[in-house]
């Protein structure tokens, strides 16, 4: 069985874009976990060394940038409004905001898929 081709000049199918968004959202949340862990290690285990925060901060920053670039690249394939692009970017600022957004969009996606099955 062949994969459906992306249409309208999009790089990815909607399903591919959705999978990539989920990976990016979870990756960004892992970055937050690393940063928070680095801060806690610095505070309680190595109070005179900022090395844990520096290392965790670099990983978090890298995952944050990957999330932002990823969202912008896959955006046309997700078929969401420009307002939702702003929401996706803003969700990366608070800790674990991308997980909340991913869950909300997953719920919306399941509802849409269920409704489209009922119409058939």
N, C-alpha and C. Protein backbone atom coordinates (compact mmCIF):
# COMPACT_ATOMS: atom_id res chain seq x y z
N UNK A 1 0.85 -1.16 0.00
CA UNK A 1 0.00 0.00 0.00
C UNK A 1 0.90 1.24 0.00
N UNK A 2 0.62 2.18 -0.86
CA UNK A 2 1.47 3.37 -0.98
C UNK A 2 0.96 4.48 -0.06
N UNK A 3 1.89 5.35 0.32
CA UNK A 3 1.56 6.49 1.17
C UNK A 3 0.90 7.57 0.33
N UNK A 4 -0.09 8.28 0.88
CA UNK A 4 -0.67 9.40 0.14
C UNK A 4 0.36 10.51 -0.03
N UNK A 5 0.35 11.13 -1.18
CA UNK A 5 1.28 12.21 -1.48
C UNK A 5 0.82 13.51 -0.85
N UNK A 6 1.77 14.30 -0.34
CA UNK A 6 1.40 15.64 0.15
C UNK A 6 0.83 16.46 -0.99
N UNK A 7 -0.13 17.30 -0.69
CA UNK A 7 -0.76 18.11 -1.72
C UNK A 7 -0.59 19.58 -1.43
N UNK A 8 -0.81 20.39 -2.43
CA UNK A 8 -0.79 21.83 -2.25
C UNK A 8 0.59 22.38 -1.93
N UNK A 9 1.64 21.71 -2.36
CA UNK A 9 2.98 22.19 -2.10
C UNK A 9 3.46 21.96 -0.68
N UNK A 10 2.75 21.16 0.09
CA UNK A 10 3.17 20.86 1.46
C UNK A 10 4.26 19.81 1.43
N UNK A 11 5.15 19.90 2.40
CA UNK A 11 6.25 18.94 2.48
C UNK A 11 5.80 17.59 3.02
N UNK A 12 4.76 17.59 3.84
CA UNK A 12 4.34 16.37 4.52
C UNK A 12 2.84 16.17 4.36
N UNK A 13 2.41 14.91 4.51
CA UNK A 13 0.99 14.66 4.62
C UNK A 13 0.54 15.15 5.99
N UNK A 14 -0.76 15.25 6.20
CA UNK A 14 -1.27 15.69 7.49
C UNK A 14 -0.85 14.71 8.58
N UNK A 15 -0.90 13.41 8.30
CA UNK A 15 -0.53 12.39 9.29
C UNK A 15 0.96 12.48 9.63
N UNK A 16 1.81 12.69 8.63
CA UNK A 16 3.24 12.84 8.89
C UNK A 16 3.51 14.09 9.72
N UNK A 17 2.86 15.19 9.37
CA UNK A 17 3.05 16.45 10.10
C UNK A 17 2.60 16.29 11.55
N UNK A 18 1.48 15.59 11.75
CA UNK A 18 0.98 15.38 13.10
C UNK A 18 1.98 14.56 13.91
N UNK A 19 2.56 13.52 13.33
CA UNK A 19 3.55 12.70 14.03
C UNK A 19 4.80 13.52 14.38
N UNK A 20 5.25 14.33 13.45
CA UNK A 20 6.42 15.17 13.70
C UNK A 20 6.13 16.22 14.78
N UNK A 21 4.91 16.77 14.78
CA UNK A 21 4.55 17.73 15.82
C UNK A 21 4.58 17.06 17.19
N UNK A 22 4.04 15.87 17.28
CA UNK A 22 4.02 15.16 18.56
C UNK A 22 5.42 14.90 19.06
N UNK A 23 6.31 14.47 18.16
CA UNK A 23 7.71 14.22 18.54
C UNK A 23 8.36 15.51 19.05
N UNK A 24 8.14 16.60 18.32
CA UNK A 24 8.73 17.88 18.71
C UNK A 24 8.17 18.35 20.05
N UNK A 25 6.87 18.19 20.27
CA UNK A 25 6.24 18.62 21.52
C UNK A 25 6.79 17.83 22.70
N UNK A 26 6.93 16.52 22.54
CA UNK A 26 7.48 15.70 23.62
C UNK A 26 8.97 16.01 23.83
N UNK A 27 9.70 16.25 22.75
CA UNK A 27 11.11 16.61 22.87
C UNK A 27 11.29 17.91 23.64
N UNK A 28 10.44 18.89 23.37
CA UNK A 28 10.54 20.17 24.07
C UNK A 28 10.22 19.98 25.55
N UNK A 29 9.29 19.11 25.87
CA UNK A 29 8.97 18.82 27.27
C UNK A 29 10.14 18.11 27.96
N UNK A 30 10.83 17.25 27.23
CA UNK A 30 12.03 16.61 27.79
C UNK A 30 13.08 17.68 28.09
N UNK A 31 13.19 18.67 27.22
CA UNK A 31 14.11 19.77 27.47
C UNK A 31 13.79 20.50 28.76
N UNK A 32 12.50 20.74 29.01
CA UNK A 32 12.11 21.37 30.27
C UNK A 32 12.48 20.49 31.46
N UNK A 33 12.27 19.19 31.33
CA UNK A 33 12.61 18.27 32.42
C UNK A 33 14.11 18.32 32.71
N UNK A 34 14.92 18.34 31.66
CA UNK A 34 16.37 18.43 31.85
C UNK A 34 16.75 19.73 32.55
N UNK A 35 16.17 20.83 32.12
CA UNK A 35 16.50 22.12 32.71
C UNK A 35 16.09 22.18 34.19
N UNK A 36 14.89 21.74 34.49
CA UNK A 36 14.44 21.74 35.88
C UNK A 36 15.30 20.81 36.72
N UNK A 37 15.67 19.66 36.17
CA UNK A 37 16.56 18.73 36.88
C UNK A 37 17.92 19.37 37.13
N UNK A 38 18.45 20.05 36.13
CA UNK A 38 19.74 20.73 36.30
C UNK A 38 19.68 21.78 37.39
N UNK A 39 18.58 22.51 37.45
CA UNK A 39 18.42 23.54 38.50
C UNK A 39 18.36 22.88 39.88
N UNK A 40 17.62 21.78 39.99
CA UNK A 40 17.51 21.08 41.27
C UNK A 40 18.84 20.47 41.70
N UNK A 41 19.56 19.87 40.75
CA UNK A 41 20.87 19.31 41.06
C UNK A 41 21.80 20.42 41.53
N UNK A 42 21.76 21.55 40.83
CA UNK A 42 22.60 22.68 41.22
C UNK A 42 22.26 23.16 42.63
N UNK A 43 21.00 23.23 42.94
CA UNK A 43 20.58 23.77 44.24
C UNK A 43 20.90 22.83 45.38
N UNK A 44 20.64 21.52 45.20
CA UNK A 44 20.74 20.59 46.32
C UNK A 44 21.99 19.73 46.33
N UNK A 45 22.61 19.47 45.19
CA UNK A 45 23.76 18.57 45.17
C UNK A 45 25.09 19.28 44.91
N UNK A 46 25.06 20.28 44.07
CA UNK A 46 26.29 20.98 43.71
C UNK A 46 26.08 22.49 43.79
N UNK A 47 25.87 23.01 44.99
CA UNK A 47 25.50 24.43 45.11
C UNK A 47 26.57 25.42 44.65
N UNK A 48 27.81 24.99 44.53
CA UNK A 48 28.86 25.92 44.13
C UNK A 48 29.29 25.74 42.68
N UNK A 49 28.54 24.93 41.94
CA UNK A 49 28.87 24.71 40.53
C UNK A 49 27.62 24.91 39.69
N UNK A 50 27.77 25.71 38.64
CA UNK A 50 26.64 25.94 37.75
C UNK A 50 26.66 25.00 36.55
N UNK A 51 27.57 24.05 36.56
CA UNK A 51 27.72 23.13 35.44
C UNK A 51 26.44 22.37 35.11
N UNK A 52 25.70 21.81 36.10
CA UNK A 52 24.46 21.10 35.75
C UNK A 52 23.46 22.00 35.00
N UNK A 53 23.34 23.24 35.43
CA UNK A 53 22.40 24.16 34.77
C UNK A 53 22.91 24.52 33.37
N UNK A 54 24.21 24.70 33.22
CA UNK A 54 24.77 25.03 31.91
C UNK A 54 24.55 23.90 30.92
N UNK A 55 24.82 22.68 31.35
CA UNK A 55 24.64 21.52 30.46
C UNK A 55 23.17 21.34 30.12
N UNK A 56 22.32 21.32 31.14
CA UNK A 56 20.88 21.13 30.91
C UNK A 56 20.31 22.28 30.09
N UNK A 57 20.80 23.48 30.33
CA UNK A 57 20.32 24.65 29.59
C UNK A 57 20.63 24.55 28.11
N UNK A 58 21.79 24.02 27.77
CA UNK A 58 22.14 23.85 26.34
C UNK A 58 21.23 22.83 25.67
N UNK A 59 20.96 21.73 26.36
CA UNK A 59 20.04 20.73 25.80
C UNK A 59 18.64 21.32 25.65
N UNK A 60 18.18 22.00 26.69
CA UNK A 60 16.84 22.60 26.64
C UNK A 60 16.75 23.62 25.50
N UNK A 61 17.75 24.46 25.38
CA UNK A 61 17.75 25.46 24.32
C UNK A 61 17.73 24.84 22.93
N UNK A 62 18.51 23.79 22.76
CA UNK A 62 18.54 23.10 21.47
C UNK A 62 17.18 22.49 21.15
N UNK A 63 16.58 21.81 22.12
CA UNK A 63 15.27 21.19 21.89
C UNK A 63 14.19 22.25 21.67
N UNK A 64 14.31 23.39 22.33
CA UNK A 64 13.37 24.50 22.15
C UNK A 64 13.44 25.02 20.71
N UNK A 65 14.65 25.23 20.20
CA UNK A 65 14.82 25.72 18.83
C UNK A 65 14.33 24.68 17.82
N UNK A 66 14.62 23.41 18.07
CA UNK A 66 14.14 22.34 17.18
C UNK A 66 12.61 22.36 17.13
N UNK A 67 11.97 22.52 18.28
CA UNK A 67 10.51 22.59 18.33
C UNK A 67 10.00 23.75 17.49
N UNK A 68 10.57 24.95 17.70
CA UNK A 68 10.10 26.13 16.98
C UNK A 68 10.29 25.98 15.47
N UNK A 69 11.46 25.54 15.05
CA UNK A 69 11.72 25.36 13.62
C UNK A 69 10.80 24.27 13.06
N UNK A 70 10.67 23.18 13.83
CA UNK A 70 9.81 22.09 13.39
C UNK A 70 8.37 22.53 13.19
N UNK A 71 7.83 23.28 14.13
CA UNK A 71 6.45 23.75 14.03
C UNK A 71 6.28 24.63 12.79
N UNK A 72 7.23 25.51 12.55
CA UNK A 72 7.13 26.41 11.40
C UNK A 72 7.21 25.62 10.09
N UNK A 73 8.07 24.61 10.03
CA UNK A 73 8.23 23.82 8.80
C UNK A 73 7.00 22.96 8.52
N UNK A 74 6.45 22.33 9.56
CA UNK A 74 5.32 21.42 9.32
C UNK A 74 3.98 22.15 9.32
N UNK A 75 3.96 23.43 9.68
CA UNK A 75 2.71 24.15 9.84
C UNK A 75 1.76 24.06 8.64
N UNK A 76 2.21 24.29 7.42
CA UNK A 76 1.27 24.23 6.29
C UNK A 76 0.59 22.87 6.16
N UNK A 77 1.31 21.81 6.53
CA UNK A 77 0.75 20.46 6.41
C UNK A 77 -0.25 20.14 7.51
N UNK A 78 -0.18 20.85 8.64
CA UNK A 78 -1.12 20.59 9.74
C UNK A 78 -2.51 21.16 9.48
N UNK A 79 -2.59 22.11 8.55
CA UNK A 79 -3.87 22.72 8.19
C UNK A 79 -4.56 23.38 9.38
N UNK A 80 -3.78 24.15 10.12
CA UNK A 80 -4.31 24.92 11.25
C UNK A 80 -4.21 26.40 10.90
N UNK A 81 -4.96 27.21 11.63
CA UNK A 81 -4.97 28.66 11.37
C UNK A 81 -3.66 29.30 11.83
N UNK A 82 -3.46 30.54 11.38
CA UNK A 82 -2.27 31.29 11.81
C UNK A 82 -2.32 31.58 13.31
N UNK A 83 -3.51 31.75 13.85
CA UNK A 83 -3.65 31.95 15.29
C UNK A 83 -3.13 30.72 16.03
N UNK A 84 -3.42 29.53 15.52
CA UNK A 84 -2.94 28.31 16.16
C UNK A 84 -1.42 28.17 16.05
N UNK A 85 -0.82 28.77 15.01
CA UNK A 85 0.64 28.81 14.93
C UNK A 85 1.19 29.64 16.08
N UNK A 86 0.55 30.78 16.35
CA UNK A 86 0.97 31.63 17.47
C UNK A 86 0.80 30.86 18.78
N UNK A 87 -0.31 30.13 18.92
CA UNK A 87 -0.56 29.33 20.12
C UNK A 87 0.53 28.26 20.26
N UNK A 88 0.91 27.61 19.17
CA UNK A 88 1.94 26.57 19.21
C UNK A 88 3.28 27.14 19.65
N UNK A 89 3.61 28.32 19.16
CA UNK A 89 4.86 28.97 19.57
C UNK A 89 4.78 29.38 21.04
N UNK A 90 3.67 29.98 21.43
CA UNK A 90 3.50 30.42 22.82
C UNK A 90 3.49 29.24 23.80
N UNK A 91 3.02 28.08 23.36
CA UNK A 91 2.96 26.90 24.22
C UNK A 91 4.35 26.41 24.62
N UNK A 92 5.36 26.82 23.87
CA UNK A 92 6.72 26.36 24.19
C UNK A 92 7.34 27.17 25.32
N UNK A 93 6.72 28.26 25.74
CA UNK A 93 7.31 29.12 26.76
C UNK A 93 7.09 28.58 28.18
N UNK A 94 5.87 28.26 28.59
CA UNK A 94 5.73 27.72 29.96
C UNK A 94 6.16 26.24 29.99
N UNK A 95 6.66 25.81 31.13
CA UNK A 95 7.06 24.39 31.23
C UNK A 95 5.89 23.46 30.89
N UNK A 96 6.15 22.51 30.02
CA UNK A 96 5.22 21.47 29.60
C UNK A 96 4.00 21.99 28.86
N UNK A 97 4.05 23.22 28.39
CA UNK A 97 2.95 23.77 27.60
C UNK A 97 2.73 23.03 26.30
N UNK A 98 3.81 22.52 25.71
CA UNK A 98 3.66 21.78 24.46
C UNK A 98 2.92 20.47 24.66
N UNK A 99 3.06 19.88 25.85
CA UNK A 99 2.31 18.64 26.13
C UNK A 99 0.82 18.93 26.24
N UNK A 100 0.48 20.02 26.90
CA UNK A 100 -0.93 20.40 27.01
C UNK A 100 -1.51 20.68 25.63
N UNK A 101 -0.77 21.40 24.79
CA UNK A 101 -1.23 21.70 23.44
C UNK A 101 -1.39 20.43 22.62
N UNK A 102 -0.42 19.54 22.73
CA UNK A 102 -0.49 18.27 21.98
C UNK A 102 -1.72 17.47 22.38
N UNK A 103 -2.02 17.42 23.67
CA UNK A 103 -3.20 16.69 24.14
C UNK A 103 -4.49 17.33 23.64
N UNK A 104 -4.54 18.65 23.66
CA UNK A 104 -5.73 19.37 23.18
C UNK A 104 -5.94 19.09 21.70
N UNK A 105 -4.88 19.21 20.90
CA UNK A 105 -5.01 18.96 19.46
C UNK A 105 -5.30 17.50 19.16
N UNK A 106 -4.76 16.59 19.96
CA UNK A 106 -5.06 15.16 19.77
C UNK A 106 -6.54 14.90 20.01
N UNK A 107 -7.08 15.54 21.04
CA UNK A 107 -8.51 15.39 21.33
C UNK A 107 -9.34 15.94 20.18
N UNK A 108 -8.97 17.13 19.66
CA UNK A 108 -9.69 17.70 18.52
C UNK A 108 -9.59 16.80 17.29
N UNK A 109 -8.41 16.26 17.06
CA UNK A 109 -8.19 15.39 15.90
C UNK A 109 -9.05 14.12 15.99
N UNK A 110 -9.11 13.53 17.19
CA UNK A 110 -9.96 12.33 17.37
C UNK A 110 -11.42 12.65 17.11
N UNK A 111 -11.88 13.81 17.60
CA UNK A 111 -13.28 14.22 17.37
C UNK A 111 -13.56 14.39 15.88
N UNK A 112 -12.64 15.05 15.16
CA UNK A 112 -12.82 15.27 13.73
C UNK A 112 -12.84 13.95 12.98
N UNK A 113 -11.94 13.05 13.34
CA UNK A 113 -11.88 11.76 12.65
C UNK A 113 -13.14 10.94 12.92
N UNK A 114 -13.63 11.01 14.16
CA UNK A 114 -14.85 10.30 14.53
C UNK A 114 -16.04 10.87 13.77
N UNK A 115 -16.12 12.20 13.66
CA UNK A 115 -17.22 12.84 12.94
C UNK A 115 -17.18 12.51 11.46
N UNK A 116 -15.96 12.46 10.88
CA UNK A 116 -15.87 12.15 9.45
C UNK A 116 -16.25 10.69 9.17
N UNK A 117 -15.98 9.79 10.13
CA UNK A 117 -16.38 8.39 9.95
C UNK A 117 -17.90 8.25 9.99
N UNK A 118 -18.55 9.04 10.86
CA UNK A 118 -20.00 8.99 10.97
C UNK A 118 -20.68 9.48 9.71
N UNK A 119 -20.03 10.40 9.00
CA UNK A 119 -20.62 10.94 7.76
C UNK A 119 -20.54 9.94 6.61
N UNK A 120 -19.64 9.00 6.69
CA UNK A 120 -19.45 8.03 5.59
C UNK A 120 -20.44 6.93 5.62
